[in-house]
C-alpha cells in the first residue's frame, strides 16, 4: 500500500507560494519557479543585510566630509586629528552631528584641531 502525501505537499506548496506572492510573472504563481525565486530572494536578503552596513558607513563618511569643506580639512586628516586628540566618537555620531547640530560638530572639530596642533 502506498502513502499519498497530498496534504503535506499542498501545505508545503502553499507556504512557498505565500512567500512569493506579488512576484512578477509566473514566479508568484507556479510552485517550481516560485521555489527558485524564494531561494534567490533569501540570498539577496542575506547579502543586502551585509551590504547595508557598508552603504551606511559610506554615507556617514560622505556627510562628515561635506561638513568639513568649510574648514578646508580633508576627511582623513580630521579622523587622524580625532585619534591623536583621543576623541572617541564613531562615524555615525559624527555624521549625525554634522547634519543635525553643525555648531556641535564645529566644537568637536575645534577641539580635535587644537589638541593635534598643540602636540606637534
Protein backbone atom coordinates (compact mmCIF):
# COMPACT_ATOMS: atom_id res chain seq x y z
CA UNK A 1 0.00 0.00 0.00
CA UNK A 2 1.48 3.37 -0.96
CA UNK A 3 1.28 6.54 1.10
CA UNK A 4 -0.04 9.61 -0.63
CA UNK A 5 1.33 12.87 0.77
CA UNK A 6 -1.26 15.17 -0.73
CA UNK A 7 -1.96 17.36 2.30
CA UNK A 8 1.70 17.70 3.23
CA UNK A 9 2.65 18.61 -0.34
CA UNK A 10 -0.23 21.08 -0.57
CA UNK A 11 0.89 22.75 2.67
CA UNK A 12 4.50 22.99 1.50
CA UNK A 13 3.45 24.44 -1.86
CA UNK A 14 1.14 26.97 -0.20
CA UNK A 15 3.96 28.09 2.12
CA UNK A 16 6.31 28.81 -0.80
CA UNK A 17 3.58 30.46 -2.88
CA UNK A 18 2.68 32.71 0.05
CA UNK A 19 6.34 33.78 0.28
CA UNK A 20 6.47 34.68 -3.42
CA UNK A 21 3.12 36.44 -3.54
CA UNK A 22 3.40 39.58 -5.64
CA UNK A 23 6.45 38.44 -7.60
CA UNK A 24 6.42 39.11 -11.35
CA UNK A 25 5.00 36.73 -13.94
CA UNK A 26 4.99 33.03 -13.01
CA UNK A 27 7.38 33.48 -10.09
CA UNK A 28 4.41 34.17 -7.87
CA UNK A 29 2.10 31.51 -9.35
CA UNK A 30 3.94 28.30 -10.26
CA UNK A 31 5.44 26.23 -7.47
CA UNK A 32 8.63 25.11 -9.17
CA UNK A 33 9.52 28.62 -10.34
CA UNK A 34 8.40 30.13 -7.01
CA UNK A 35 10.66 27.81 -5.07
CA UNK A 36 13.68 29.01 -7.06
CA UNK A 37 12.62 32.65 -6.71
CA UNK A 38 12.21 32.29 -2.94
CA UNK A 39 15.70 30.77 -2.65
CA UNK A 40 17.24 33.65 -4.59
CA UNK A 41 15.26 36.20 -2.62
CA UNK A 42 16.65 34.75 0.60
CA UNK A 43 20.19 35.00 -0.72
CA UNK A 44 19.67 38.60 -1.81
CA UNK A 45 18.15 39.50 1.54
CA UNK A 46 21.12 37.98 3.39
CA UNK A 47 23.59 39.80 1.15
CA UNK A 48 21.62 43.03 1.49
CA UNK A 49 21.87 42.95 5.27
CA UNK A 50 25.64 42.79 4.96
CA UNK A 51 25.82 45.48 2.27
CA UNK A 52 23.60 47.87 4.26
CA UNK A 53 26.38 48.25 6.84
CA UNK A 54 28.88 49.14 4.11
CA UNK A 55 26.49 51.59 2.45
CA UNK A 56 25.68 53.38 5.70
CA UNK A 57 29.35 53.76 6.59
CA UNK A 58 29.94 55.29 3.14
CA UNK A 59 27.06 57.68 3.70
CA UNK A 60 28.39 58.76 7.11
CA UNK A 61 31.84 59.39 5.66
CA UNK A 62 30.35 61.48 2.83
CA UNK A 63 28.34 63.55 5.30
CA UNK A 64 31.35 64.15 7.54
CA UNK A 65 33.46 65.09 4.51
CA UNK A 66 30.77 67.52 3.32
CA UNK A 67 30.65 69.14 6.77
CA UNK A 68 34.45 69.54 6.69
CA UNK A 69 34.53 71.53 3.42
CA UNK A 70 34.12 74.95 5.14
CA UNK A 71 37.14 74.12 7.33
CA UNK A 72 39.23 73.10 4.29
CA UNK A 73 40.30 69.89 6.01
CA UNK A 74 40.17 66.50 4.30
CA UNK A 75 38.28 63.67 5.97
CA UNK A 76 41.37 61.50 6.51
CA UNK A 77 43.21 64.35 8.26
CA UNK A 78 40.21 65.03 10.50
CA UNK A 79 39.96 61.37 11.57
CA UNK A 80 43.69 61.37 12.28
CA UNK A 81 43.31 64.52 14.42
CA UNK A 82 40.47 62.89 16.35
CA UNK A 83 42.64 59.84 17.07
CA UNK A 84 45.57 61.98 18.19
CA UNK A 85 43.29 64.02 20.45
CA UNK A 86 41.88 60.75 21.86
CA UNK A 87 38.31 61.76 20.97
CA UNK A 88 36.36 58.55 20.52
CA UNK A 89 33.25 59.44 18.54
CA UNK A 90 32.11 56.99 15.89
CA UNK A 91 31.32 57.99 12.32
CA UNK A 92 27.58 57.55 12.78
CA UNK A 93 27.52 60.09 15.63
CA UNK A 94 29.82 62.49 13.77
CA UNK A 95 27.58 62.36 10.69
CA UNK A 96 24.51 62.99 12.85
CA UNK A 97 26.23 65.97 14.47
CA UNK A 98 27.27 67.29 11.07
CA UNK A 99 23.69 67.16 9.76
CA UNK A 100 21.61 67.99 12.84
CA UNK A 101 23.92 70.11 15.01
CA UNK A 102 26.60 71.86 12.93
CA UNK A 103 27.70 74.04 15.88
CA UNK A 104 28.41 70.91 17.96
CA UNK A 105 30.32 69.41 15.03
CA UNK A 106 32.38 72.61 14.81
CA UNK A 107 33.14 72.31 18.53
CA UNK A 108 34.39 68.74 18.03
CA UNK A 109 36.45 69.88 15.05
CA UNK A 110 37.99 72.77 17.02
CA UNK A 111 38.80 70.52 19.95
CA UNK A 112 40.46 67.89 17.72
CA UNK A 113 42.32 70.59 15.80
CA UNK A 114 43.56 72.32 18.97
CA UNK A 115 44.81 69.09 20.56
CA UNK A 116 46.60 67.88 17.43
CA UNK A 117 48.30 71.26 16.75
CA UNK A 118 49.41 71.70 20.36
CA UNK A 119 51.09 68.27 20.46
CA UNK A 120 53.10 68.62 17.24
